[in-house]
Amino acid sequence: MTSAHADWPLDETFTSSSGAVRWTALGPTTAPPVVLVHGTPFSSYVWRGVARALARENRVYVWDLPGYGASEMRSGQDVTLAAQARVLTELLAHWGLDGPELPAVVAHDFGGCVALRAHLLHGARYARLAVVDPVALAPWGSPTYRLLGAHAEVFAQLPAALHEALVREYVGSASHRGLHPDVLDRLVAPWCTEAGRPAFYRQIEQNDQRFTDEIQGRYGELALPVLVCWGTEDTWIPVARGHELAALIPGAELRLIEGAGHLVQEDAPAELTAELGRFLIAGPRRAN
């Protein structure tokens, strides 16, 4: 576990098909289960405040995706969105959340694609699904993201100091209100280790639009309660995509978080937690 996660201890390990996954669970063991999924280039650290608040009434599972945060990073690792969806499905079975009591899943950024792929392609079952500024609709990927992916082998040769400066600028741009320096340090640190520097470019190089193209036409099949949350000041994925996505999912709720950028968890944690808390307490969670 990296020092960046010293105040966010992921004290359990699961050996997944894409490497070792660090995870933990918060809240009463008998409470309704909630699984939080982070996006890129972040880690479960972005969920710390929301997770602790939701854990008052729920059993909350948090994890770092393979290739991210405190989880395994290695050369040749499959960290595609396809692989991450398989890992989520594996974790749900490992946690015993594949029935009869189903979890609610809350997913941010490309974690949204991960959760949607796991459900639509791998049969993972959820009681309800909340997506927060998700990667779900084509086209996606900021100009910076596409540039890094197209020239990963070039950027991977940057000296350590320049690499860190690039990552800090990129991660910081996800917030509209500006990240606290300590938070920015913690989000950047995993990408600045010997293993983390190549891992940063690896995950960008491996992911592209085909992973959402495979499922975008199936959103009308979603037959569970869905909440779409979106920061109105998101410059990575514009809020118009939130309206578009909600319209494609039968019965989906759309909630806009005013003044928040792409990292809604950091820009408006209280507002996001309130929306999620309201959504999570509605309705049964047992499988039919």
Protein backbone atom coordinates (compact mmCIF):
# COMPACT_ATOMS: atom_id res chain seq x y z
CA MET A 1 0.00 0.00 0.00
CA THR A 2 1.35 3.39 -0.92
CA SER A 3 2.00 6.09 1.64
CA ALA A 4 -0.58 8.20 -0.18
CA HIS A 5 -3.22 5.89 1.30
CA ALA A 6 -1.89 5.87 4.86
CA ASP A 7 -4.99 7.75 6.06
CA TRP A 8 -7.28 5.67 3.83
CA PRO A 9 -6.29 2.09 4.68
CA LEU A 10 -7.36 -0.58 2.23
CA ASP A 11 -6.57 -3.49 4.53
CA GLU A 12 -7.84 -6.43 2.47
CA THR A 13 -6.48 -8.04 -0.70
CA PHE A 14 -8.30 -9.97 -3.42
CA THR A 15 -6.43 -11.74 -6.20
CA SER A 16 -8.37 -10.87 -9.34
CA SER A 17 -7.93 -11.88 -12.96
CA SER A 18 -6.07 -8.58 -13.47
CA GLY A 19 -3.91 -8.63 -10.35
CA ALA A 20 -4.10 -7.95 -6.64
CA VAL A 21 -6.91 -5.60 -5.61
CA ARG A 22 -6.77 -3.67 -2.34
CA TRP A 23 -10.14 -3.09 -0.68
CA THR A 24 -11.93 -2.49 2.59
CA ALA A 25 -15.46 -2.35 3.94
CA LEU A 26 -16.99 0.22 6.27
CA GLY A 27 -20.14 0.20 8.33
CA PRO A 28 -22.26 -2.47 10.07
CA THR A 29 -21.84 -5.97 8.64
CA THR A 30 -25.62 -6.51 8.64
CA ALA A 31 -26.45 -3.22 6.89
CA PRO A 32 -27.50 -3.02 3.21
CA PRO A 33 -24.46 -3.32 0.92
CA VAL A 34 -23.17 -0.47 -1.24
CA VAL A 35 -20.23 -0.77 -3.64
CA LEU A 36 -18.33 2.34 -4.73
CA VAL A 37 -16.36 2.36 -8.00
CA HIS A 38 -13.83 5.07 -8.83
CA GLY A 39 -12.67 6.34 -12.22
CA THR A 40 -9.47 7.49 -13.87
CA PRO A 41 -6.90 8.72 -13.00
CA PHE A 42 -8.14 8.49 -9.44
CA SER A 43 -8.48 5.88 -6.69
CA SER A 44 -10.98 4.99 -4.00
CA TYR A 45 -9.54 7.90 -1.99
CA VAL A 46 -11.97 10.22 -3.79
CA TRP A 47 -14.84 8.33 -2.11
CA ARG A 48 -13.49 8.63 1.46
CA GLY A 49 -15.95 11.29 2.70
CA VAL A 50 -18.98 9.88 0.91
CA ALA A 51 -18.08 6.34 2.00
CA ARG A 52 -17.77 7.27 5.66
CA ALA A 53 -21.08 9.13 5.60
CA LEU A 54 -22.95 6.33 3.83
CA ALA A 55 -21.40 3.78 6.20
CA ARG A 56 -23.60 5.05 9.02
CA GLU A 57 -26.52 3.19 7.46
CA ASN A 58 -24.85 0.85 4.95
CA ARG A 59 -22.06 -1.69 4.56
CA VAL A 60 -19.85 0.18 2.11
CA TYR A 61 -17.25 -1.58 -0.03
CA VAL A 62 -14.42 0.47 -1.55
CA TRP A 63 -11.56 -0.75 -3.72
CA ASP A 64 -8.79 0.42 -5.97
CA LEU A 65 -9.09 -0.90 -9.50
CA PRO A 66 -6.16 -3.02 -10.72
CA GLY A 67 -3.47 -0.65 -11.96
CA TYR A 68 -4.63 2.19 -9.69
CA GLY A 69 -3.97 3.54 -6.20
CA ALA A 70 -2.82 0.85 -3.79
CA SER A 71 -3.69 -2.09 -6.05
CA GLU A 72 -1.18 -3.99 -8.16
CA MET A 73 0.57 -2.14 -10.99
CA ARG A 74 2.79 -4.16 -13.35
CA SER A 75 4.04 -4.36 -16.90
CA GLY A 76 1.74 -6.27 -19.23
CA GLN A 77 -1.25 -5.86 -16.92
CA ASP A 78 -4.71 -5.78 -18.51
CA VAL A 79 -6.37 -2.66 -17.14
CA THR A 80 -8.90 -2.11 -19.93
CA LEU A 81 -12.49 -1.25 -19.13
CA ALA A 82 -13.35 -4.79 -20.23
CA ALA A 83 -10.95 -6.23 -17.64
CA GLN A 84 -12.18 -3.91 -14.88
CA ALA A 85 -15.78 -5.03 -15.47
CA ARG A 86 -14.72 -8.66 -15.06
CA VAL A 87 -12.91 -7.76 -11.84
CA LEU A 88 -15.99 -6.00 -10.44
CA THR A 89 -18.03 -9.13 -11.18
CA GLU A 90 -15.39 -11.25 -9.45
CA LEU A 91 -15.37 -8.98 -6.41
CA LEU A 92 -19.15 -9.08 -6.02
CA ALA A 93 -18.94 -12.88 -5.86
CA HIS A 94 -15.99 -12.72 -3.45
CA TRP A 95 -17.95 -10.42 -1.15
CA GLY A 96 -21.05 -12.62 -1.39
CA LEU A 97 -23.03 -9.82 -3.02
CA ASP A 98 -24.36 -11.85 -5.94
CA GLY A 99 -27.61 -12.73 -4.11
CA PRO A 100 -30.01 -12.96 -2.40
CA GLU A 101 -29.41 -9.44 -1.05
CA LEU A 102 -28.10 -7.37 -3.92
CA PRO A 103 -25.82 -4.34 -3.56
CA ALA A 104 -26.43 -0.81 -4.67
CA VAL A 105 -23.56 0.31 -6.90
CA VAL A 106 -22.30 3.88 -7.14
CA ALA A 107 -19.80 4.55 -9.92
CA HIS A 108 -17.86 7.64 -11.02
CA ASP A 109 -16.22 8.55 -14.33
CA PHE A 110 -15.17 5.41 -16.23
CA GLY A 111 -16.27 3.44 -13.20
CA GLY A 112 -19.69 4.07 -14.71
CA CYS A 113 -18.69 2.13 -17.81
CA VAL A 114 -17.21 -0.59 -15.59
CA ALA A 115 -20.47 -0.97 -13.66
CA LEU A 116 -22.61 -0.86 -16.80
CA ARG A 117 -20.45 -3.46 -18.59
CA ALA A 118 -20.48 -5.76 -15.56
CA HIS A 119 -24.27 -5.61 -15.47
CA LEU A 120 -25.04 -5.77 -19.19
CA LEU A 121 -22.27 -8.12 -20.35
CA HIS A 122 -21.41 -10.24 -17.31
CA GLY A 123 -24.76 -10.55 -15.59
CA ALA A 124 -23.76 -8.74 -12.40
CA ARG A 125 -26.93 -7.88 -10.52
CA TYR A 126 -27.54 -4.69 -8.58
CA ALA A 127 -30.46 -3.47 -6.50
CA ARG A 128 -29.93 0.01 -7.92
CA LEU A 129 -27.25 1.93 -9.76
CA ALA A 130 -26.05 5.51 -9.35
CA VAL A 131 -23.57 6.94 -11.85
CA VAL A 132 -21.70 10.17 -11.25
CA ASP A 133 -20.36 12.05 -14.30
CA PRO A 134 -19.84 8.66 -15.98
CA VAL A 135 -17.97 7.68 -19.11
CA ALA A 136 -20.92 6.13 -20.93
CA LEU A 137 -21.59 7.89 -24.24
CA ALA A 138 -19.55 8.45 -27.37
CA PRO A 139 -17.52 10.44 -28.06
CA TRP A 140 -15.48 10.63 -24.87
CA GLY A 141 -11.97 11.45 -23.79
CA SER A 142 -10.68 14.97 -23.34
CA PRO A 143 -8.12 16.29 -25.85
CA THR A 144 -5.43 15.72 -23.21
CA TYR A 145 -6.57 12.15 -22.62
CA ARG A 146 -6.55 11.36 -26.33
CA LEU A 147 -3.11 12.95 -26.77
CA LEU A 148 -1.63 10.92 -23.91
CA GLY A 149 -3.16 7.72 -25.21
CA ALA A 150 -1.94 8.25 -28.75
CA HIS A 151 1.64 8.94 -27.66
CA ALA A 152 1.95 6.93 -24.46
CA GLU A 153 5.39 5.62 -25.36
CA VAL A 154 6.69 9.19 -25.73
CA PHE A 155 5.18 10.58 -22.53
CA ALA A 156 6.38 7.53 -20.58
CA GLN A 157 9.94 8.74 -21.19
CA LEU A 158 9.42 12.05 -19.38
CA PRO A 159 11.77 12.71 -16.45
CA ALA A 160 10.12 12.07 -13.08
CA ALA A 161 9.69 15.77 -12.24
CA LEU A 162 8.01 16.58 -15.56
CA HIS A 163 5.80 13.50 -15.27
CA GLU A 164 4.63 14.60 -11.83
CA ALA A 165 3.92 18.12 -13.06
CA LEU A 166 1.83 16.72 -15.92
CA VAL A 167 -0.16 14.41 -13.63
CA ARG A 168 -0.76 17.17 -11.08
CA GLU A 169 -2.09 19.52 -13.74
CA TYR A 170 -4.27 16.82 -15.26
CA VAL A 171 -5.77 15.60 -11.98
CA GLY A 172 -6.29 19.15 -10.74
CA SER A 173 -8.28 20.05 -13.84
CA ALA A 174 -11.03 17.63 -12.78
CA SER A 175 -12.11 20.02 -10.02
CA HIS A 176 -14.00 23.22 -10.66
CA ARG A 177 -13.43 24.65 -7.18
CA GLY A 178 -9.80 23.56 -6.85
CA LEU A 179 -8.43 20.63 -4.90
CA HIS A 180 -6.95 21.05 -1.45
CA PRO A 181 -3.15 20.62 -1.77
CA ASP A 182 -3.16 17.56 0.50
CA VAL A 183 -5.89 15.91 -1.57
CA LEU A 184 -4.06 16.63 -4.81
CA ASP A 185 -0.87 15.17 -3.32
CA ARG A 186 -2.66 11.96 -2.37
CA LEU A 187 -4.31 11.53 -5.75
CA VAL A 188 -1.07 12.14 -7.62
CA ALA A 189 1.30 10.12 -5.41
CA PRO A 190 0.43 6.60 -6.68
CA TRP A 191 1.33 7.69 -10.22
CA CYS A 192 4.77 8.96 -9.19
CA THR A 193 6.31 5.73 -7.95
CA GLU A 194 8.55 3.52 -10.06
CA ALA A 195 5.57 1.28 -10.85
CA GLY A 196 3.09 4.12 -11.03
CA ARG A 197 4.74 6.20 -13.74
CA PRO A 198 4.33 3.61 -16.52
CA ALA A 199 0.97 2.53 -15.06
CA PHE A 200 -0.41 6.04 -15.60
CA TYR A 201 0.19 5.89 -19.35
CA ARG A 202 -0.70 2.19 -19.58
CA GLN A 203 -4.27 2.71 -18.42
CA ILE A 204 -4.81 5.57 -20.85
CA GLU A 205 -3.28 3.71 -23.78
CA GLN A 206 -5.41 0.62 -23.20
CA ASN A 207 -8.78 2.34 -23.07
CA ASP A 208 -10.78 3.75 -25.93
CA GLN A 209 -14.32 4.32 -27.08
CA ARG A 210 -14.99 0.75 -28.22
CA PHE A 211 -15.68 -0.23 -24.62
CA THR A 212 -18.69 2.07 -24.42
CA ASP A 213 -19.70 1.46 -28.04
CA GLU A 214 -20.30 -2.18 -27.10
CA ILE A 215 -22.95 -1.28 -24.54
CA GLN A 216 -24.34 2.15 -25.46
CA GLY A 217 -27.14 0.66 -27.55
CA ARG A 218 -28.31 -1.44 -24.60
CA TYR A 219 -29.04 1.23 -22.01
CA GLY A 220 -32.73 0.86 -22.75
CA GLU A 221 -32.50 -2.65 -21.29
CA LEU A 222 -31.67 -1.39 -17.81
CA ALA A 223 -34.53 -2.53 -15.60
CA LEU A 224 -33.45 -1.25 -12.20
CA PRO A 225 -33.59 2.12 -10.47
CA VAL A 226 -30.89 4.39 -11.91
CA LEU A 227 -29.69 7.77 -10.67
CA VAL A 228 -27.55 10.00 -12.88
CA CYS A 229 -25.66 12.72 -11.00
CA TRP A 230 -23.69 15.39 -12.86
CA GLY A 231 -21.61 18.38 -11.92
CA THR A 232 -22.85 21.40 -13.84
CA GLU A 233 -19.30 22.71 -14.28
CA ASP A 234 -17.76 19.48 -15.53
CA THR A 235 -15.22 20.39 -18.23
CA TRP A 236 -14.17 16.78 -18.83
CA ILE A 237 -17.62 15.48 -19.79
CA PRO A 238 -20.19 18.24 -20.35
CA VAL A 239 -23.44 18.20 -18.43
CA ALA A 240 -25.38 17.82 -21.68
CA ARG A 241 -24.23 14.18 -21.64
CA GLY A 242 -26.05 13.72 -18.36
CA HIS A 243 -29.33 14.77 -19.95
CA GLU A 244 -28.64 12.49 -22.92
CA LEU A 245 -27.78 9.48 -20.77
CA ALA A 246 -30.78 9.87 -18.47
CA ALA A 247 -33.06 10.01 -21.51
CA LEU A 248 -31.70 6.66 -22.73
CA ILE A 249 -32.36 4.79 -19.47
CA PRO A 250 -36.00 3.96 -18.66
CA GLY A 251 -37.14 5.80 -15.54
CA ALA A 252 -33.70 7.24 -14.74
CA GLU A 253 -33.48 10.23 -12.39
CA LEU A 254 -31.16 13.09 -13.26
CA ARG A 255 -29.75 15.24 -10.47
CA LEU A 256 -27.47 18.17 -11.29
CA ILE A 257 -24.91 19.26 -8.70
CA GLU A 258 -24.49 23.01 -9.04
CA GLY A 259 -20.98 24.45 -9.04
CA ALA A 260 -19.26 21.05 -9.17
CA GLY A 261 -16.77 19.92 -11.77
CA HIS A 262 -15.95 16.37 -12.80
CA LEU A 263 -14.73 15.44 -9.32
CA VAL A 264 -18.09 15.98 -7.67
CA GLN A 265 -16.89 14.07 -4.59
CA GLU A 266 -14.35 16.82 -3.91
CA ASP A 267 -16.28 19.86 -5.16
CA ALA A 268 -19.66 19.14 -3.52
CA PRO A 269 -19.39 16.16 -1.14
CA ALA A 270 -22.36 17.15 1.02
CA GLU A 271 -24.70 17.64 -1.94
CA LEU A 272 -23.61 14.39 -3.57
CA THR A 273 -23.91 12.42 -0.34
CA ALA A 274 -27.42 13.78 0.20
CA GLU A 275 -28.52 12.70 -3.28
CA LEU A 276 -26.98 9.26 -2.89
CA GLY A 277 -28.39 8.78 0.59
CA ARG A 278 -31.89 9.62 -0.62
CA PHE A 279 -31.58 7.25 -3.57
CA LEU A 280 -30.13 4.36 -1.57
CA ILE A 281 -32.86 4.16 1.05
CA ALA A 282 -35.66 3.81 -1.51
CA GLY A 283 -37.02 0.36 -2.25
CA PRO A 284 -36.11 -3.28 -1.56
CA ARG A 285 -32.75 -4.87 -2.31
CA ARG A 286 -33.56 -8.55 -2.40
CA ALA A 287 -33.34 -10.57 -5.59
CA ASN A 288 -36.52 -11.91 -7.10
